[in-house]
């Protein structure tokens, strides 16, 4: 029997992909959440933002940060860190 996907499993998949430096699959999973009628919440946004940090995708991080319905300290911290690493102040 297959497991039904939900926001928790989707966010976990985004987080896991991001932690293994697979930022492209992480962002793809994040964007597909809406196609499967899953809510992109603060946890999934933070996971998507954090997946961009190690590879210096600060522009995408800021784009995601601006889309967030509710800003989160962890997401903002990841964005600041990525901008600092890229010298994009």
N, C-alpha and C. Protein backbone atom coordinates (compact mmCIF):
# COMPACT_ATOMS: atom_id res chain seq x y z
N UNK A 1 0.84 -1.18 0.00
CA UNK A 1 0.00 0.00 0.00
C UNK A 1 0.89 1.25 0.00
N UNK A 2 0.56 2.20 -0.86
CA UNK A 2 1.33 3.42 -0.95
C UNK A 2 0.95 4.40 0.16
N UNK A 3 1.92 5.17 0.60
CA UNK A 3 1.68 6.19 1.61
C UNK A 3 1.18 7.44 0.91
N UNK A 4 0.11 8.03 1.45
CA UNK A 4 -0.41 9.28 0.91
C UNK A 4 0.52 10.41 1.31
N UNK A 5 0.86 11.25 0.34
CA UNK A 5 1.68 12.41 0.64
C UNK A 5 0.87 13.48 1.35
N UNK A 6 1.51 14.20 2.23
CA UNK A 6 0.88 15.34 2.86
C UNK A 6 1.96 16.41 3.07
N UNK A 7 1.61 17.50 3.74
CA UNK A 7 2.54 18.58 3.94
C UNK A 7 3.79 18.13 4.70
N UNK A 8 3.60 17.23 5.65
CA UNK A 8 4.73 16.78 6.46
C UNK A 8 5.71 15.96 5.62
N UNK A 9 5.18 15.01 4.85
CA UNK A 9 6.09 14.20 4.02
C UNK A 9 6.75 15.04 2.93
N UNK A 10 6.02 15.98 2.37
CA UNK A 10 6.59 16.84 1.34
C UNK A 10 7.69 17.73 1.92
N UNK A 11 7.44 18.34 3.07
CA UNK A 11 8.45 19.19 3.71
C UNK A 11 9.67 18.38 4.09
N UNK A 12 9.46 17.15 4.56
CA UNK A 12 10.57 16.27 4.91
C UNK A 12 11.41 15.95 3.68
N UNK A 13 10.75 15.70 2.56
CA UNK A 13 11.47 15.41 1.31
C UNK A 13 12.27 16.62 0.85
N UNK A 14 11.70 17.81 0.97
CA UNK A 14 12.42 19.04 0.59
C UNK A 14 13.63 19.22 1.50
N UNK A 15 13.44 19.02 2.80
CA UNK A 15 14.54 19.16 3.76
C UNK A 15 15.66 18.16 3.47
N UNK A 16 15.28 16.91 3.25
CA UNK A 16 16.26 15.85 3.00
C UNK A 16 17.05 16.13 1.72
N UNK A 17 16.36 16.55 0.69
CA UNK A 17 17.05 16.88 -0.57
C UNK A 17 18.02 18.03 -0.36
N UNK A 18 17.56 19.05 0.34
CA UNK A 18 18.41 20.21 0.59
C UNK A 18 19.64 19.87 1.40
N UNK A 19 19.49 19.02 2.41
CA UNK A 19 20.62 18.64 3.25
C UNK A 19 21.65 17.79 2.51
N UNK A 20 21.21 17.15 1.44
CA UNK A 20 22.16 16.34 0.66
C UNK A 20 22.66 17.13 -0.56
N UNK A 21 22.54 18.46 -0.48
CA UNK A 21 23.01 19.38 -1.54
C UNK A 21 22.31 19.15 -2.88
N UNK A 22 21.13 18.60 -2.84
CA UNK A 22 20.33 18.43 -4.06
C UNK A 22 19.30 19.56 -4.11
N UNK A 23 19.79 20.79 -4.32
CA UNK A 23 18.92 21.96 -4.24
C UNK A 23 17.89 21.99 -5.37
N UNK A 24 18.25 21.51 -6.55
CA UNK A 24 17.29 21.52 -7.66
C UNK A 24 16.10 20.59 -7.39
N UNK A 25 16.35 19.34 -6.97
CA UNK A 25 15.20 18.49 -6.62
C UNK A 25 14.40 19.05 -5.45
N UNK A 26 15.09 19.67 -4.50
CA UNK A 26 14.38 20.26 -3.36
C UNK A 26 13.40 21.33 -3.82
N UNK A 27 13.87 22.21 -4.71
CA UNK A 27 12.99 23.28 -5.21
C UNK A 27 11.89 22.73 -6.11
N UNK A 28 12.19 21.67 -6.84
CA UNK A 28 11.17 21.03 -7.68
C UNK A 28 10.07 20.42 -6.81
N UNK A 29 10.48 19.72 -5.76
CA UNK A 29 9.49 19.14 -4.83
C UNK A 29 8.64 20.24 -4.20
N UNK A 30 9.32 21.32 -3.80
CA UNK A 30 8.61 22.44 -3.18
C UNK A 30 7.57 23.03 -4.14
N UNK A 31 7.96 23.24 -5.39
CA UNK A 31 7.02 23.84 -6.35
C UNK A 31 5.87 22.90 -6.70
N UNK A 32 6.12 21.60 -6.65
CA UNK A 32 5.05 20.63 -6.96
C UNK A 32 4.04 20.45 -5.83
N UNK A 33 4.35 20.96 -4.67
CA UNK A 33 3.41 20.82 -3.55
C UNK A 33 2.04 21.39 -3.92
N UNK A 34 2.02 22.55 -4.54
CA UNK A 34 0.74 23.17 -4.91
C UNK A 34 -0.01 22.36 -5.95
N UNK A 35 0.73 21.71 -6.86
CA UNK A 35 0.08 20.87 -7.87
C UNK A 35 -0.68 19.71 -7.23
N UNK A 36 -0.18 19.28 -6.09
CA UNK A 36 -0.81 18.16 -5.37
C UNK A 36 -1.70 18.66 -4.24
N UNK A 37 -2.05 19.93 -4.30
CA UNK A 37 -2.93 20.58 -3.34
C UNK A 37 -2.42 20.46 -1.90
N UNK A 38 -1.11 20.62 -1.77
CA UNK A 38 -0.48 20.63 -0.46
C UNK A 38 -0.08 22.06 -0.12
N UNK A 39 -0.31 22.46 1.10
CA UNK A 39 -0.03 23.82 1.55
C UNK A 39 1.47 24.02 1.73
N UNK A 40 1.99 25.08 1.14
CA UNK A 40 3.38 25.46 1.36
C UNK A 40 3.41 26.33 2.62
N UNK A 41 3.80 25.71 3.73
CA UNK A 41 3.79 26.42 5.00
C UNK A 41 5.19 26.92 5.35
N UNK A 42 5.31 27.49 6.53
CA UNK A 42 6.58 28.05 6.98
C UNK A 42 7.67 26.99 6.99
N UNK A 43 7.33 25.77 7.34
CA UNK A 43 8.33 24.69 7.39
C UNK A 43 8.83 24.35 5.99
N UNK A 44 7.94 24.22 5.04
CA UNK A 44 8.37 23.88 3.68
C UNK A 44 9.12 25.05 3.03
N UNK A 45 8.68 26.29 3.28
CA UNK A 45 9.41 27.44 2.76
C UNK A 45 10.82 27.50 3.33
N UNK A 46 10.93 27.29 4.64
CA UNK A 46 12.24 27.32 5.29
C UNK A 46 13.14 26.23 4.73
N UNK A 47 12.59 25.05 4.50
CA UNK A 47 13.37 23.95 3.91
C UNK A 47 13.84 24.30 2.51
N UNK A 48 12.97 24.90 1.71
CA UNK A 48 13.35 25.28 0.34
C UNK A 48 14.42 26.37 0.37
N UNK A 49 14.26 27.34 1.25
CA UNK A 49 15.23 28.42 1.37
C UNK A 49 16.58 27.87 1.82
N UNK A 50 16.56 27.01 2.82
CA UNK A 50 17.81 26.43 3.34
C UNK A 50 18.51 25.58 2.30
N UNK A 51 17.77 24.97 1.38
CA UNK A 51 18.40 24.13 0.36
C UNK A 51 19.24 24.97 -0.61
N UNK A 52 18.93 26.24 -0.72
CA UNK A 52 19.66 27.13 -1.64
C UNK A 52 20.94 27.67 -1.03
N UNK A 53 21.03 27.68 0.29
CA UNK A 53 22.17 28.32 0.96
C UNK A 53 23.52 27.71 0.60
N UNK A 54 23.71 26.39 0.67
CA UNK A 54 25.05 25.84 0.42
C UNK A 54 25.57 26.09 -1.00
N UNK A 55 24.68 26.30 -1.94
CA UNK A 55 25.11 26.49 -3.33
C UNK A 55 25.07 27.95 -3.76
N UNK A 56 24.82 28.84 -2.82
CA UNK A 56 24.89 30.27 -3.10
C UNK A 56 23.77 30.82 -3.98
N UNK A 57 22.63 30.18 -3.97
CA UNK A 57 21.49 30.65 -4.77
C UNK A 57 20.71 31.72 -3.99
N UNK A 58 21.40 32.81 -3.65
CA UNK A 58 20.81 33.82 -2.79
C UNK A 58 19.65 34.55 -3.46
N UNK A 59 19.67 34.70 -4.80
CA UNK A 59 18.55 35.37 -5.47
C UNK A 59 17.27 34.56 -5.30
N UNK A 60 17.38 33.24 -5.46
CA UNK A 60 16.20 32.37 -5.31
C UNK A 60 15.74 32.39 -3.86
N UNK A 61 16.68 32.41 -2.92
CA UNK A 61 16.31 32.46 -1.51
C UNK A 61 15.52 33.72 -1.19
N UNK A 62 15.98 34.85 -1.71
CA UNK A 62 15.26 36.10 -1.45
C UNK A 62 13.89 36.09 -2.10
N UNK A 63 13.80 35.49 -3.28
CA UNK A 63 12.50 35.35 -3.95
C UNK A 63 11.54 34.53 -3.09
N UNK A 64 12.00 33.41 -2.58
CA UNK A 64 11.17 32.57 -1.72
C UNK A 64 10.81 33.28 -0.43
N UNK A 65 11.77 34.01 0.12
CA UNK A 65 11.53 34.75 1.36
C UNK A 65 10.43 35.78 1.17
N UNK A 66 10.43 36.45 0.02
CA UNK A 66 9.41 37.46 -0.27
C UNK A 66 8.03 36.83 -0.49
N UNK A 67 7.99 35.57 -0.93
CA UNK A 67 6.72 34.87 -1.15
C UNK A 67 6.11 34.34 0.14
N UNK A 68 6.93 34.17 1.17
CA UNK A 68 6.44 33.55 2.41
C UNK A 68 5.28 34.35 2.99
N UNK A 69 4.19 33.65 3.32
CA UNK A 69 3.06 34.36 3.91
C UNK A 69 3.36 34.88 5.31
N UNK A 70 4.26 34.21 6.02
CA UNK A 70 4.64 34.62 7.38
C UNK A 70 6.14 34.41 7.51
N UNK A 71 6.87 35.50 7.75
CA UNK A 71 8.33 35.38 7.85
C UNK A 71 8.73 34.61 9.10
N UNK A 72 9.83 33.89 8.97
CA UNK A 72 10.33 33.03 10.03
C UNK A 72 11.77 33.40 10.32
N UNK A 73 12.18 33.37 11.58
CA UNK A 73 13.53 33.74 11.97
C UNK A 73 14.56 32.83 11.32
N UNK A 74 14.29 31.53 11.26
CA UNK A 74 15.23 30.58 10.67
C UNK A 74 15.40 30.87 9.18
N UNK A 75 14.30 31.11 8.48
CA UNK A 75 14.37 31.40 7.04
C UNK A 75 15.12 32.70 6.79
N UNK A 76 14.86 33.71 7.59
CA UNK A 76 15.56 34.99 7.43
C UNK A 76 17.05 34.82 7.71
N UNK A 77 17.39 34.04 8.72
CA UNK A 77 18.79 33.78 9.05
C UNK A 77 19.52 33.08 7.92
N UNK A 78 18.85 32.10 7.30
CA UNK A 78 19.46 31.38 6.17
C UNK A 78 19.69 32.33 5.00
N UNK A 79 18.75 33.22 4.76
CA UNK A 79 18.87 34.17 3.67
C UNK A 79 20.02 35.14 3.92
N UNK A 80 20.14 35.65 5.13
CA UNK A 80 21.23 36.56 5.47
C UNK A 80 22.57 35.84 5.32
N UNK A 81 22.64 34.61 5.80
CA UNK A 81 23.88 33.83 5.70
C UNK A 81 24.29 33.61 4.25
N UNK A 82 23.34 33.27 3.41
CA UNK A 82 23.65 33.03 1.99
C UNK A 82 24.11 34.31 1.30
N UNK A 83 23.47 35.41 1.62
CA UNK A 83 23.87 36.69 1.03
C UNK A 83 25.28 37.06 1.48
N UNK A 84 25.59 36.80 2.75
CA UNK A 84 26.92 37.10 3.27
C UNK A 84 27.98 36.25 2.57
N UNK A 85 27.68 34.95 2.40
CA UNK A 85 28.63 34.05 1.75
C UNK A 85 28.89 34.46 0.30
N UNK A 86 27.85 34.96 -0.35
CA UNK A 86 27.98 35.34 -1.76
C UNK A 86 28.49 36.78 -1.92
N UNK A 87 28.64 37.49 -0.81
CA UNK A 87 29.08 38.88 -0.89
C UNK A 87 28.01 39.78 -1.49
N UNK A 88 26.75 39.36 -1.38
CA UNK A 88 25.64 40.11 -1.97
C UNK A 88 24.93 40.95 -0.91
N UNK A 89 25.64 41.95 -0.43
CA UNK A 89 25.06 42.86 0.56
C UNK A 89 24.53 44.01 -0.15
